Structures are given as structure tokens and as C-alpha cells.
Amino acid sequence: MALDEPKENDEIMSNNGITYLMEKQLFEQVKPVTVDFVESAYGSGFSIASSLAKGASCGSCSHC
């Protein structure tokens, strides 16, 4: 995840007042995508889930 400005080839999604951007081509490959904020004994942060199979190549994402 990173801060970015919308581009022509981005899919724009909003959830609970937060706007998310994802390149349209990637979005088509992995939809549906869910983004949740989670808190646990290990800390807190965002959890990103998609239809992309675990272990599949996913470029620069760190949640595979």
C-alpha cells in the first residue's frame, strides 16, 4: 500500500470513507478485493484479501 493520486488506468473504490486505487488490469485479475483494518496482540494494520491464489506471483505485494 502506498499513497498515490488517481490515474486514468486506475479502478477507484471507497469503503468507510477511505478511497483505494488499484490499476484496472490488476483489479480484473484479482477481484473481488477486500481491505480491512485489523488489530491483534501482534499489532494493527491493513489486511488485503483477493481471489489471487496464495503462492501465486503477485509482484510487489507483501501479503501473499
PDB file of N, CA and C in Angstrom:
ATOM      1  N   MET A   1       0.838  -1.179   0.000  1.00  0.00           N
ATOM      2  CA  MET A   1       0.000   0.000   0.000  1.00  0.00           C
ATOM      3  C   MET A   1       0.877   1.234   0.000  1.00  0.00           C
ATOM      4  N   ALA A   2       0.409   2.235  -0.704  1.00  0.00           N
ATOM      5  CA  ALA A   2       1.133   3.495  -0.760  1.00  0.00           C
ATOM      6  C   ALA A   2       0.150   4.615  -1.086  1.00  0.00           C
ATOM      7  N   LEU A   3       0.516   5.811  -0.754  1.00  0.00           N
ATOM      8  CA  LEU A   3      -0.298   6.962  -1.121  1.00  0.00           C
ATOM      9  C   LEU A   3      -0.050   7.262  -2.591  1.00  0.00           C
ATOM     10  N   ASP A   4      -1.118   7.572  -3.316  1.00  0.00           N
ATOM     11  CA  ASP A   4      -0.981   7.840  -4.739  1.00  0.00           C
ATOM     12  C   ASP A   4      -2.144   8.699  -5.197  1.00  0.00           C
ATOM     13  N   GLU A   5      -1.974   9.340  -6.318  1.00  0.00           N
ATOM     14  CA  GLU A   5      -3.038  10.110  -6.953  1.00  0.00           C
ATOM     15  C   GLU A   5      -3.695   9.231  -8.017  1.00  0.00           C
ATOM     16  N   PRO A   6      -5.009   9.382  -8.235  1.00  0.00           N
ATOM     17  CA  PRO A   6      -5.684   8.583  -9.266  1.00  0.00           C
ATOM     18  C   PRO A   6      -5.110   8.856 -10.653  1.00  0.00           C
ATOM     19  N   LYS A   7      -5.010   7.768 -11.410  1.00  0.00           N
ATOM     20  CA  LYS A   7      -4.559   7.862 -12.799  1.00  0.00           C
ATOM     21  C   LYS A   7      -5.658   7.321 -13.704  1.00  0.00           C
ATOM     22  N   GLU A   8      -5.532   7.562 -14.980  1.00  0.00           N
ATOM     23  CA  GLU A   8      -6.539   7.166 -15.957  1.00  0.00           C
ATOM     24  C   GLU A   8      -6.800   5.662 -15.946  1.00  0.00           C
ATOM     25  N   ASN A   9      -5.794   4.850 -15.654  1.00  0.00           N
ATOM     26  CA  ASN A   9      -5.937   3.395 -15.701  1.00  0.00           C
ATOM     27  C   ASN A   9      -6.185   2.780 -14.329  1.00  0.00           C
ATOM     28  N   ASP A  10      -6.699   3.573 -13.367  1.00  0.00           N
ATOM     29  CA  ASP A  10      -6.972   3.072 -12.018  1.00  0.00           C
ATOM     30  C   ASP A  10      -8.443   2.760 -11.806  1.00  0.00           C
ATOM     31  N   GLU A  11      -8.701   1.726 -11.038  1.00  0.00           N
ATOM     32  CA  GLU A  11     -10.036   1.425 -10.519  1.00  0.00           C
ATOM     33  C   GLU A  11     -10.107   2.138  -9.173  1.00  0.00           C
ATOM     34  N   ILE A  12     -11.164   2.889  -8.922  1.00  0.00           N
ATOM     35  CA  ILE A  12     -11.300   3.646  -7.682  1.00  0.00           C
ATOM     36  C   ILE A  12     -12.417   3.036  -6.859  1.00  0.00           C
ATOM     37  N   MET A  13     -12.095   2.698  -5.587  1.00  0.00           N
ATOM     38  CA  MET A  13     -13.059   2.090  -4.675  1.00  0.00           C
ATOM     39  C   MET A  13     -13.072   2.879  -3.373  1.00  0.00           C
ATOM     40  N   SER A  14     -14.215   2.957  -2.715  1.00  0.00           N
ATOM     41  CA  SER A  14     -14.311   3.621  -1.418  1.00  0.00           C
ATOM     42  C   SER A  14     -14.973   2.687  -0.426  1.00  0.00           C
ATOM     43  N   ASN A  15     -14.506   2.760   0.828  1.00  0.00           N
ATOM     44  CA  ASN A  15     -15.064   1.939   1.897  1.00  0.00           C
ATOM     45  C   ASN A  15     -14.860   2.674   3.209  1.00  0.00           C
ATOM     46  N   ASN A  16     -15.940   2.927   3.924  1.00  0.00           N
ATOM     47  CA  ASN A  16     -15.883   3.617   5.219  1.00  0.00           C
ATOM     48  C   ASN A  16     -15.125   4.939   5.144  1.00  0.00           C
ATOM     49  N   GLY A  17     -15.334   5.689   4.075  1.00  0.00           N
ATOM     50  CA  GLY A  17     -14.719   6.997   3.935  1.00  0.00           C
ATOM     51  C   GLY A  17     -13.270   6.987   3.462  1.00  0.00           C
ATOM     52  N   ILE A  18     -12.725   5.823   3.147  1.00  0.00           N
ATOM     53  CA  ILE A  18     -11.353   5.716   2.656  1.00  0.00           C
ATOM     54  C   ILE A  18     -11.407   5.305   1.192  1.00  0.00           C
ATOM     55  N   THR A  19     -10.646   6.004   0.358  1.00  0.00           N
ATOM     56  CA  THR A  19     -10.605   5.718  -1.070  1.00  0.00           C
ATOM     57  C   THR A  19      -9.361   4.902  -1.395  1.00  0.00           C
ATOM     58  N   TYR A  20      -9.546   3.840  -2.161  1.00  0.00           N
ATOM     59  CA  TYR A  20      -8.462   2.956  -2.582  1.00  0.00           C
ATOM     60  C   TYR A  20      -8.357   2.996  -4.098  1.00  0.00           C
ATOM     61  N   LEU A  21      -7.138   2.906  -4.592  1.00  0.00           N
ATOM     62  CA  LEU A  21      -6.885   2.864  -6.028  1.00  0.00           C
ATOM     63  C   LEU A  21      -6.169   1.570  -6.363  1.00  0.00           C
ATOM     64  N   MET A  22      -6.522   0.990  -7.493  1.00  0.00           N
ATOM     65  CA  MET A  22      -5.822  -0.194  -7.965  1.00  0.00           C
ATOM     66  C   MET A  22      -5.825  -0.140  -9.490  1.00  0.00           C
ATOM     67  N   GLU A  23      -4.698  -0.471 -10.083  1.00  0.00           N
ATOM     68  CA  GLU A  23      -4.613  -0.497 -11.534  1.00  0.00           C
ATOM     69  C   GLU A  23      -5.713  -1.415 -12.078  1.00  0.00           C
ATOM     70  N   LYS A  24      -6.471  -0.948 -13.059  1.00  0.00           N
ATOM     71  CA  LYS A  24      -7.624  -1.697 -13.576  1.00  0.00           C
ATOM     72  C   LYS A  24      -7.255  -3.101 -14.046  1.00  0.00           C
ATOM     73  N   GLN A  25      -6.132  -3.255 -14.721  1.00  0.00           N
ATOM     74  CA  GLN A  25      -5.727  -4.568 -15.222  1.00  0.00           C
ATOM     75  C   GLN A  25      -5.487  -5.533 -14.067  1.00  0.00           C
ATOM     76  N   LEU A  26      -4.807  -5.075 -13.018  1.00  0.00           N
ATOM     77  CA  LEU A  26      -4.587  -5.917 -11.842  1.00  0.00           C
ATOM     78  C   LEU A  26      -5.906  -6.226 -11.149  1.00  0.00           C
ATOM     79  N   PHE A  27      -6.765  -5.223 -11.007  1.00  0.00           N
ATOM     80  CA  PHE A  27      -8.055  -5.419 -10.355  1.00  0.00           C
ATOM     81  C   PHE A  27      -8.869  -6.508 -11.052  1.00  0.00           C
ATOM     82  N   GLU A  28      -8.863  -6.506 -12.380  1.00  0.00           N
ATOM     83  CA  GLU A  28      -9.601  -7.522 -13.132  1.00  0.00           C
ATOM     84  C   GLU A  28      -9.072  -8.928 -12.866  1.00  0.00           C
ATOM     85  N   GLN A  29      -7.791  -9.059 -12.580  1.00  0.00           N
ATOM     86  CA  GLN A  29      -7.184 -10.363 -12.326  1.00  0.00           C
ATOM     87  C   GLN A  29      -7.460 -10.879 -10.917  1.00  0.00           C
ATOM     88  N   VAL A  30      -7.642  -9.975  -9.942  1.00  0.00           N
ATOM     89  CA  VAL A  30      -7.714 -10.410  -8.539  1.00  0.00           C
ATOM     90  C   VAL A  30      -9.049 -10.131  -7.856  1.00  0.00           C
ATOM     91  N   LYS A  31      -9.996  -9.475  -8.554  1.00  0.00           N
ATOM     92  CA  LYS A  31     -11.257  -9.122  -7.890  1.00  0.00           C
ATOM     93  C   LYS A  31     -12.015 -10.358  -7.447  1.00  0.00           C
ATOM     94  N   PRO A  32     -12.780 -10.302  -6.426  1.00  0.00           N
ATOM     95  CA  PRO A  32     -13.003  -9.151  -5.557  1.00  0.00           C
ATOM     96  C   PRO A  32     -11.834  -8.936  -4.592  1.00  0.00           C
ATOM     97  N   VAL A  33     -11.662  -7.700  -4.181  1.00  0.00           N
ATOM     98  CA  VAL A  33     -10.616  -7.319  -3.236  1.00  0.00           C
ATOM     99  C   VAL A  33     -11.287  -6.719  -2.017  1.00  0.00           C
ATOM    100  N   THR A  34     -10.854  -7.136  -0.829  1.00  0.00           N
ATOM    101  CA  THR A  34     -11.353  -6.531   0.401  1.00  0.00           C
ATOM    102  C   THR A  34     -10.175  -5.982   1.198  1.00  0.00           C
ATOM    103  N   VAL A  35     -10.386  -4.802   1.778  1.00  0.00           N
ATOM    104  CA  VAL A  35      -9.371  -4.159   2.613  1.00  0.00           C
ATOM    105  C   VAL A  35     -10.005  -3.927   3.973  1.00  0.00           C
ATOM    106  N   ASP A  36      -9.383  -4.453   5.013  1.00  0.00           N
ATOM    107  CA  ASP A  36      -9.879  -4.294   6.380  1.00  0.00           C
ATOM    108  C   ASP A  36      -8.759  -3.785   7.269  1.00  0.00           C
ATOM    109  N   PHE A  37      -9.120  -3.009   8.293  1.00  0.00           N
ATOM    110  CA  PHE A  37      -8.158  -2.613   9.308  1.00  0.00           C
ATOM    111  C   PHE A  37      -8.318  -3.586  10.462  1.00  0.00           C
ATOM    112  N   VAL A  38      -7.239  -4.228  10.874  1.00  0.00           N
ATOM    113  CA  VAL A  38      -7.306  -5.234  11.933  1.00  0.00           C
ATOM    114  C   VAL A  38      -6.381  -4.857  13.081  1.00  0.00           C
ATOM    115  N   GLU A  39      -6.808  -5.228  14.282  1.00  0.00           N
ATOM    116  CA  GLU A  39      -5.994  -5.052  15.476  1.00  0.00           C
ATOM    117  C   GLU A  39      -5.878  -6.394  16.173  1.00  0.00           C
ATOM    118  N   SER A  40      -4.669  -6.738  16.599  1.00  0.00           N
ATOM    119  CA  SER A  40      -4.450  -8.002  17.293  1.00  0.00           C
ATOM    120  C   SER A  40      -3.348  -7.815  18.319  1.00  0.00           C
ATOM    121  N   ALA A  41      -3.016  -8.885  19.014  1.00  0.00           N
ATOM    122  CA  ALA A  41      -1.943  -8.846  20.009  1.00  0.00           C
ATOM    123  C   ALA A  41      -0.602  -8.551  19.356  1.00  0.00           C
ATOM    124  N   TYR A  42      -0.492  -8.802  18.057  1.00  0.00           N
ATOM    125  CA  TYR A  42       0.754  -8.578  17.334  1.00  0.00           C
ATOM    126  C   TYR A  42       0.865  -7.166  16.767  1.00  0.00           C
ATOM    127  N   GLY A  43      -0.196  -6.392  16.827  1.00  0.00           N
ATOM    128  CA  GLY A  43      -0.188  -5.036  16.306  1.00  0.00           C
ATOM    129  C   GLY A  43      -1.425  -4.766  15.472  1.00  0.00           C
ATOM    130  N   SER A  44      -1.403  -3.692  14.737  1.00  0.00           N
ATOM    131  CA  SER A  44      -2.552  -3.334  13.905  1.00  0.00           C
ATOM    132  C   SER A  44      -2.069  -2.927  12.520  1.00  0.00           C
ATOM    133  N   GLY A  45      -2.991  -3.017  11.576  1.00  0.00           N
ATOM    134  CA  GLY A  45      -2.656  -2.648  10.209  1.00  0.00           C
ATOM    135  C   GLY A  45      -3.743  -3.073   9.261  1.00  0.00           C
ATOM    136  N   PHE A  46      -3.445  -2.971   7.989  1.00  0.00           N
ATOM    137  CA  PHE A  46      -4.423  -3.315   6.967  1.00  0.00           C
ATOM    138  C   PHE A  46      -4.240  -4.753   6.509  1.00  0.00           C
ATOM    139  N   SER A  47      -5.355  -5.422   6.303  1.00  0.00           N
ATOM    140  CA  SER A  47      -5.378  -6.768   5.748  1.00  0.00           C
ATOM    141  C   SER A  47      -6.024  -6.665   4.366  1.00  0.00           C
ATOM    142  N   ILE A  48      -5.320  -7.173   3.365  1.00  0.00           N
ATOM    143  CA  ILE A  48      -5.823  -7.125   1.991  1.00  0.00           C
ATOM    144  C   ILE A  48      -6.036  -8.550   1.515  1.00  0.00           C
ATOM    145  N   ALA A  49      -7.246  -8.848   1.066  1.00  0.00           N
ATOM    146  CA  ALA A  49      -7.557 -10.190   0.586  1.00  0.00           C
ATOM    147  C   ALA A  49      -8.135 -10.087  -0.823  1.00  0.00           C
ATOM    148  N   SER A  50      -7.832 -11.097  -1.651  1.00  0.00           N
ATOM    149  CA  SER A  50      -8.358 -11.120  -3.016  1.00  0.00           C
ATOM    150  C   SER A  50      -8.552 -12.564  -3.451  1.00  0.00           C
ATOM    151  N   SER A  51      -8.996 -12.727  -4.689  1.00  0.00           N
ATOM    152  CA  SER A  51      -9.178 -14.065  -5.235  1.00  0.00           C
ATOM    153  C   SER A  51      -7.867 -14.654  -5.731  1.00  0.00           C
ATOM    154  N   LEU A  52      -6.776 -13.892  -5.675  1.00  0.00           N
ATOM    155  CA  LEU A  52      -5.466 -14.375  -6.097  1.00  0.00           C
ATOM    156  C   LEU A  52      -5.054 -15.532  -5.192  1.00  0.00           C
ATOM    157  N   ALA A  53      -4.747 -16.670  -5.791  1.00  0.00           N
ATOM    158  CA  ALA A  53      -4.383 -17.859  -5.009  1.00  0.00           C
ATOM    159  C   ALA A  53      -3.103 -17.620  -4.225  1.00  0.00           C
ATOM    160  N   LYS A  54      -3.059 -18.116  -2.984  1.00  0.00           N
ATOM    161  CA  LYS A  54      -1.843 -17.993  -2.190  1.00  0.00           C
ATOM    162  C   LYS A  54      -0.697 -18.664  -2.916  1.00  0.00           C
ATOM    163  N   GLY A  55       0.456 -18.010  -2.873  1.00  0.00           N
ATOM    164  CA  GLY A  55       1.638 -18.553  -3.517  1.00  0.00           C
ATOM    165  C   GLY A  55       1.756 -18.151  -4.976  1.00  0.00           C
ATOM    166  N   ALA A  56       0.717 -17.545  -5.532  1.00  0.00           N
ATOM    167  CA  ALA A  56       0.810 -17.094  -6.917  1.00  0.00           C
ATOM    168  C   ALA A  56       1.682 -15.855  -6.962  1.00  0.00           C
ATOM    169  N   SER A  57       2.304 -15.626  -8.067  1.00  0.00           N
ATOM    170  CA  SER A  57       3.163 -14.454  -8.222  1.00  0.00           C
ATOM    171  C   SER A  57       2.300 -13.199  -8.155  1.00  0.00           C
ATOM    172  N   CYS A  58       2.697 -12.256  -7.307  1.00  0.00           N
ATOM    173  CA  CYS A  58       1.896 -11.045  -7.164  1.00  0.00           C
ATOM    174  C   CYS A  58       2.757  -9.798  -7.150  1.00  0.00           C
ATOM    175  N   GLY A  59       3.884  -9.811  -7.805  1.00  0.00           N
ATOM    176  CA  GLY A  59       4.676  -8.605  -7.948  1.00  0.00           C
ATOM    177  C   GLY A  59       5.184  -8.069  -6.628  1.00  0.00           C
ATOM    178  N   SER A  60       4.795  -6.840  -6.291  1.00  0.00           N
ATOM    179  CA  SER A  60       5.365  -6.184  -5.125  1.00  0.00           C
ATOM    180  C   SER A  60       4.479  -6.246  -3.888  1.00  0.00           C
ATOM    181  N   CYS A  61       3.383  -6.986  -3.913  1.00  0.00           N
ATOM    182  CA  CYS A  61       2.540  -7.013  -2.718  1.00  0.00           C
ATOM    183  C   CYS A  61       3.251  -7.823  -1.633  1.00  0.00           C
ATOM    184  N   SER A  62       3.022  -7.461  -0.395  1.00  0.00           N
ATOM    185  CA  SER A  62       3.708  -8.118   0.717  1.00  0.00           C
ATOM    186  C   SER A  62       2.775  -9.009   1.517  1.00  0.00           C
ATOM    187  N   HIS A  63       1.579  -9.251   1.003  1.00  0.00           N
ATOM    188  CA  HIS A  63       0.581 -10.011   1.764  1.00  0.00           C
ATOM    189  C   HIS A  63       0.268 -11.347   1.110  1.00  0.00           C
ATOM    190  N   CYS A  64       1.239 -11.968   0.429  1.00  0.00           N
ATOM    191  CA  CYS A  64       0.990 -13.241  -0.282  1.00  0.00           C
ATOM    192  C   CYS A  64       1.216 -14.425   0.614  1.00  0.00           C
TER     193      CYS A  64
END
